[in-house]
Amino acid sequence: MYLDGLELPTEVIEYIAYSITNNIRELEGALISIIAQASLNKKAITLDLVKSD
């Protein structure tokens, strides 16, 4: 999936969606954290990266 200039693999989106079910703010925070971590470490957003967070 392509979102705001960022490509997120479907398995990453599904993992986040199933892991965070409390509220939209928590979901948004998780996405921001993942994007920041990938950007700072110059890594692609993968399922392994998301699970390590």
PDB file of N, CA and C in Angstrom:
ATOM      1  N   MET A   1       0.848  -1.178   0.000  1.00  0.00           N
ATOM      2  CA  MET A   1       0.000   0.000   0.000  1.00  0.00           C
ATOM      3  C   MET A   1       0.885   1.230   0.000  1.00  0.00           C
ATOM      4  N   TYR A   2       0.505   2.223  -0.749  1.00  0.00           N
ATOM      5  CA  TYR A   2       1.253   3.466  -0.877  1.00  0.00           C
ATOM      6  C   TYR A   2       0.495   4.552  -0.129  1.00  0.00           C
ATOM      7  N   LEU A   3       1.166   5.162   0.861  1.00  0.00           N
ATOM      8  CA  LEU A   3       0.498   6.139   1.719  1.00  0.00           C
ATOM      9  C   LEU A   3       1.398   7.337   1.916  1.00  0.00           C
ATOM     10  N   ASP A   4       0.961   8.506   1.492  1.00  0.00           N
ATOM     11  CA  ASP A   4       1.715   9.750   1.687  1.00  0.00           C
ATOM     12  C   ASP A   4       3.178   9.622   1.274  1.00  0.00           C
ATOM     13  N   GLY A   5       3.427   9.024   0.125  1.00  0.00           N
ATOM     14  CA  GLY A   5       4.785   8.879  -0.357  1.00  0.00           C
ATOM     15  C   GLY A   5       5.555   7.751   0.290  1.00  0.00           C
ATOM     16  N   LEU A   6       4.868   6.898   1.007  1.00  0.00           N
ATOM     17  CA  LEU A   6       5.498   5.811   1.736  1.00  0.00           C
ATOM     18  C   LEU A   6       4.827   4.501   1.363  1.00  0.00           C
ATOM     19  N   GLU A   7       5.631   3.522   1.028  1.00  0.00           N
ATOM     20  CA  GLU A   7       5.061   2.223   0.671  1.00  0.00           C
ATOM     21  C   GLU A   7       5.112   1.290   1.875  1.00  0.00           C
ATOM     22  N   LEU A   8       3.951   0.782   2.250  1.00  0.00           N
ATOM     23  CA  LEU A   8       3.843  -0.149   3.371  1.00  0.00           C
ATOM     24  C   LEU A   8       3.376  -1.498   2.853  1.00  0.00           C
ATOM     25  N   PRO A   9       4.159  -2.540   3.121  1.00  0.00           N
ATOM     26  CA  PRO A   9       3.735  -3.877   2.700  1.00  0.00           C
ATOM     27  C   PRO A   9       2.421  -4.282   3.380  1.00  0.00           C
ATOM     28  N   THR A  10       1.624  -5.037   2.689  1.00  0.00           N
ATOM     29  CA  THR A  10       0.328  -5.456   3.213  1.00  0.00           C
ATOM     30  C   THR A  10       0.461  -6.196   4.535  1.00  0.00           C
ATOM     31  N   GLU A  11       1.479  -7.051   4.663  1.00  0.00           N
ATOM     32  CA  GLU A  11       1.635  -7.803   5.913  1.00  0.00           C
ATOM     33  C   GLU A  11       1.950  -6.888   7.093  1.00  0.00           C
ATOM     34  N   VAL A  12       2.614  -5.766   6.838  1.00  0.00           N
ATOM     35  CA  VAL A  12       2.893  -4.793   7.904  1.00  0.00           C
ATOM     36  C   VAL A  12       1.600  -4.129   8.343  1.00  0.00           C
ATOM     37  N   ILE A  13       0.797  -3.730   7.394  1.00  0.00           N
ATOM     38  CA  ILE A  13      -0.483  -3.094   7.706  1.00  0.00           C
ATOM     39  C   ILE A  13      -1.374  -4.043   8.496  1.00  0.00           C
ATOM     40  N   GLU A  14      -1.445  -5.285   8.060  1.00  0.00           N
ATOM     41  CA  GLU A  14      -2.279  -6.271   8.756  1.00  0.00           C
ATOM     42  C   GLU A  14      -1.773  -6.530  10.170  1.00  0.00           C
ATOM     43  N   TYR A  15      -0.459  -6.642  10.334  1.00  0.00           N
ATOM     44  CA  TYR A  15       0.119  -6.884  11.659  1.00  0.00           C
ATOM     45  C   TYR A  15      -0.228  -5.733  12.616  1.00  0.00           C
ATOM     46  N   ILE A  16      -0.057  -4.512  12.147  1.00  0.00           N
ATOM     47  CA  ILE A  16      -0.365  -3.348  12.990  1.00  0.00           C
ATOM     48  C   ILE A  16      -1.847  -3.311  13.315  1.00  0.00           C
ATOM     49  N   ALA A  17      -2.684  -3.553  12.331  1.00  0.00           N
ATOM     50  CA  ALA A  17      -4.137  -3.495  12.539  1.00  0.00           C
ATOM     51  C   ALA A  17      -4.608  -4.541  13.546  1.00  0.00           C
ATOM     52  N   TYR A  18      -4.040  -5.737  13.502  1.00  0.00           N
ATOM     53  CA  TYR A  18      -4.439  -6.786  14.437  1.00  0.00           C
ATOM     54  C   TYR A  18      -3.811  -6.604  15.818  1.00  0.00           C
ATOM     55  N   SER A  19      -2.660  -5.930  15.878  1.00  0.00           N
ATOM     56  CA  SER A  19      -1.960  -5.743  17.150  1.00  0.00           C
ATOM     57  C   SER A  19      -2.512  -4.585  17.973  1.00  0.00           C
ATOM     58  N   ILE A  20      -2.994  -3.566  17.299  1.00  0.00           N
ATOM     59  CA  ILE A  20      -3.465  -2.368  17.995  1.00  0.00           C
ATOM     60  C   ILE A  20      -4.960  -2.234  17.773  1.00  0.00           C
ATOM     61  N   THR A  21      -5.705  -2.512  18.813  1.00  0.00           N
ATOM     62  CA  THR A  21      -7.164  -2.489  18.685  1.00  0.00           C
ATOM     63  C   THR A  21      -7.830  -1.519  19.655  1.00  0.00           C
ATOM     64  N   ASN A  22      -7.026  -0.823  20.471  1.00  0.00           N
ATOM     65  CA  ASN A  22      -7.619   0.041  21.495  1.00  0.00           C
ATOM     66  C   ASN A  22      -8.221   1.319  20.933  1.00  0.00           C
ATOM     67  N   ASN A  23      -7.410   2.101  20.240  1.00  0.00           N
ATOM     68  CA  ASN A  23      -7.942   3.353  19.710  1.00  0.00           C
ATOM     69  C   ASN A  23      -7.084   3.866  18.560  1.00  0.00           C
ATOM     70  N   ILE A  24      -7.615   4.841  17.865  1.00  0.00           N
ATOM     71  CA  ILE A  24      -6.955   5.372  16.674  1.00  0.00           C
ATOM     72  C   ILE A  24      -5.683   6.132  17.032  1.00  0.00           C
ATOM     73  N   ARG A  25      -5.629   6.748  18.198  1.00  0.00           N
ATOM     74  CA  ARG A  25      -4.419   7.484  18.596  1.00  0.00           C
ATOM     75  C   ARG A  25      -3.240   6.535  18.793  1.00  0.00           C
ATOM     76  N   GLU A  26      -3.499   5.388  19.356  1.00  0.00           N
ATOM     77  CA  GLU A  26      -2.446   4.396  19.534  1.00  0.00           C
ATOM     78  C   GLU A  26      -1.962   3.881  18.179  1.00  0.00           C
ATOM     79  N   LEU A  27      -2.875   3.682  17.267  1.00  0.00           N
ATOM     80  CA  LEU A  27      -2.533   3.245  15.916  1.00  0.00           C
ATOM     81  C   LEU A  27      -1.688   4.299  15.210  1.00  0.00           C
ATOM     82  N   GLU A  28      -2.095   5.539  15.313  1.00  0.00           N
ATOM     83  CA  GLU A  28      -1.348   6.639  14.697  1.00  0.00           C
ATOM     84  C   GLU A  28       0.054   6.753  15.303  1.00  0.00           C
ATOM     85  N   GLY A  29       0.142   6.623  16.614  1.00  0.00           N
ATOM     86  CA  GLY A  29       1.439   6.678  17.281  1.00  0.00           C
ATOM     87  C   GLY A  29       2.367   5.566  16.832  1.00  0.00           C
ATOM     88  N   ALA A  30       1.822   4.377  16.652  1.00  0.00           N
ATOM     89  CA  ALA A  30       2.616   3.244  16.195  1.00  0.00           C
ATOM     90  C   ALA A  30       3.145   3.490  14.783  1.00  0.00           C
ATOM     91  N   LEU A  31       2.305   4.007  13.917  1.00  0.00           N
ATOM     92  CA  LEU A  31       2.736   4.299  12.552  1.00  0.00           C
ATOM     93  C   LEU A  31       3.829   5.362  12.526  1.00  0.00           C
ATOM     94  N   ILE A  32       3.661   6.405  13.310  1.00  0.00           N
ATOM     95  CA  ILE A  32       4.668   7.466  13.380  1.00  0.00           C
ATOM     96  C   ILE A  32       5.993   6.906  13.885  1.00  0.00           C
ATOM     97  N   SER A  33       5.930   6.068  14.899  1.00  0.00           N
ATOM     98  CA  SER A  33       7.134   5.460  15.459  1.00  0.00           C
ATOM     99  C   SER A  33       7.843   4.574  14.435  1.00  0.00           C
ATOM    100  N   ILE A  34       7.095   3.780  13.717  1.00  0.00           N
ATOM    101  CA  ILE A  34       7.665   2.893  12.703  1.00  0.00           C
ATOM    102  C   ILE A  34       8.309   3.697  11.576  1.00  0.00           C
ATOM    103  N   ILE A  35       7.630   4.722  11.133  1.00  0.00           N
ATOM    104  CA  ILE A  35       8.158   5.566  10.062  1.00  0.00           C
ATOM    105  C   ILE A  35       9.428   6.270  10.519  1.00  0.00           C
ATOM    106  N   ALA A  36       9.435   6.779  11.740  1.00  0.00           N
ATOM    107  CA  ALA A  36      10.616   7.461  12.270  1.00  0.00           C
ATOM    108  C   ALA A  36      11.790   6.505  12.394  1.00  0.00           C
ATOM    109  N   GLN A  37      11.538   5.317  12.918  1.00  0.00           N
ATOM    110  CA  GLN A  37      12.601   4.327  13.091  1.00  0.00           C
ATOM    111  C   GLN A  37      13.194   3.933  11.734  1.00  0.00           C
ATOM    112  N   ALA A  38      12.356   3.710  10.759  1.00  0.00           N
ATOM    113  CA  ALA A  38      12.834   3.346   9.429  1.00  0.00           C
ATOM    114  C   ALA A  38      13.627   4.491   8.799  1.00  0.00           C
ATOM    115  N   SER A  39      13.150   5.690   8.974  1.00  0.00           N
ATOM    116  CA  SER A  39      13.815   6.851   8.399  1.00  0.00           C
ATOM    117  C   SER A  39      15.172   7.105   9.057  1.00  0.00           C
ATOM    118  N   LEU A  40      15.216   7.066  10.364  1.00  0.00           N
ATOM    119  CA  LEU A  40      16.463   7.339  11.082  1.00  0.00           C
ATOM    120  C   LEU A  40      17.524   6.275  10.816  1.00  0.00           C
ATOM    121  N   ASN A  41      17.106   5.037  10.706  1.00  0.00           N
ATOM    122  CA  ASN A  41      18.042   3.934  10.478  1.00  0.00           C
ATOM    123  C   ASN A  41      18.238   3.623   9.002  1.00  0.00           C
ATOM    124  N   LYS A  42      17.549   4.389   8.142  1.00  0.00           N
ATOM    125  CA  LYS A  42      17.620   4.206   6.690  1.00  0.00           C
ATOM    126  C   LYS A  42      17.345   2.750   6.298  1.00  0.00           C
ATOM    127  N   LYS A  43      16.248   2.231   6.853  1.00  0.00           N
ATOM    128  CA  LYS A  43      15.824   0.860   6.570  1.00  0.00           C
ATOM    129  C   LYS A  43      14.441   0.880   5.939  1.00  0.00           C
ATOM    130  N   ALA A  44      14.161  -0.151   5.187  1.00  0.00           N
ATOM    131  CA  ALA A  44      12.824  -0.314   4.625  1.00  0.00           C
ATOM    132  C   ALA A  44      11.881  -0.779   5.729  1.00  0.00           C
ATOM    133  N   ILE A  45      10.623  -0.432   5.591  1.00  0.00           N
ATOM    134  CA  ILE A  45       9.632  -0.880   6.562  1.00  0.00           C
ATOM    135  C   ILE A  45       9.250  -2.311   6.213  1.00  0.00           C
ATOM    136  N   THR A  46       9.639  -3.214   7.102  1.00  0.00           N
ATOM    137  CA  THR A  46       9.357  -4.629   6.911  1.00  0.00           C
ATOM    138  C   THR A  46       8.654  -5.148   8.151  1.00  0.00           C
ATOM    139  N   LEU A  47       8.142  -6.340   8.053  1.00  0.00           N
ATOM    140  CA  LEU A  47       7.479  -6.963   9.191  1.00  0.00           C
ATOM    141  C   LEU A  47       8.465  -7.166  10.344  1.00  0.00           C
ATOM    142  N   ASP A  48       9.696  -7.537  10.040  1.00  0.00           N
ATOM    143  CA  ASP A  48      10.716  -7.708  11.068  1.00  0.00           C
ATOM    144  C   ASP A  48      10.995  -6.403  11.813  1.00  0.00           C
ATOM    145  N   LEU A  49      11.078  -5.310  11.080  1.00  0.00           N
ATOM    146  CA  LEU A  49      11.299  -3.998  11.701  1.00  0.00           C
ATOM    147  C   LEU A  49      10.141  -3.644  12.619  1.00  0.00           C
ATOM    148  N   VAL A  50       8.930  -3.881  12.175  1.00  0.00           N
ATOM    149  CA  VAL A  50       7.746  -3.555  12.974  1.00  0.00           C
ATOM    150  C   VAL A  50       7.678  -4.414  14.232  1.00  0.00           C
ATOM    151  N   LYS A  51       7.990  -5.686  14.109  1.00  0.00           N
ATOM    152  CA  LYS A  51       7.942  -6.578  15.259  1.00  0.00           C
ATOM    153  C   LYS A  51       9.029  -6.261  16.278  1.00  0.00           C
ATOM    154  N   SER A  52      10.145  -5.706  15.842  1.00  0.00           N
ATOM    155  CA  SER A  52      11.236  -5.386  16.768  1.00  0.00           C
ATOM    156  C   SER A  52      10.965  -4.121  17.559  1.00  0.00           C
ATOM    157  N   ASP A  53      10.003  -3.327  17.146  1.00  0.00           N
ATOM    158  CA  ASP A  53       9.683  -2.068  17.815  1.00  0.00           C
ATOM    159  C   ASP A  53       8.951  -2.255  19.103  1.00  0.00           C
TER     160      ASP A  53
END
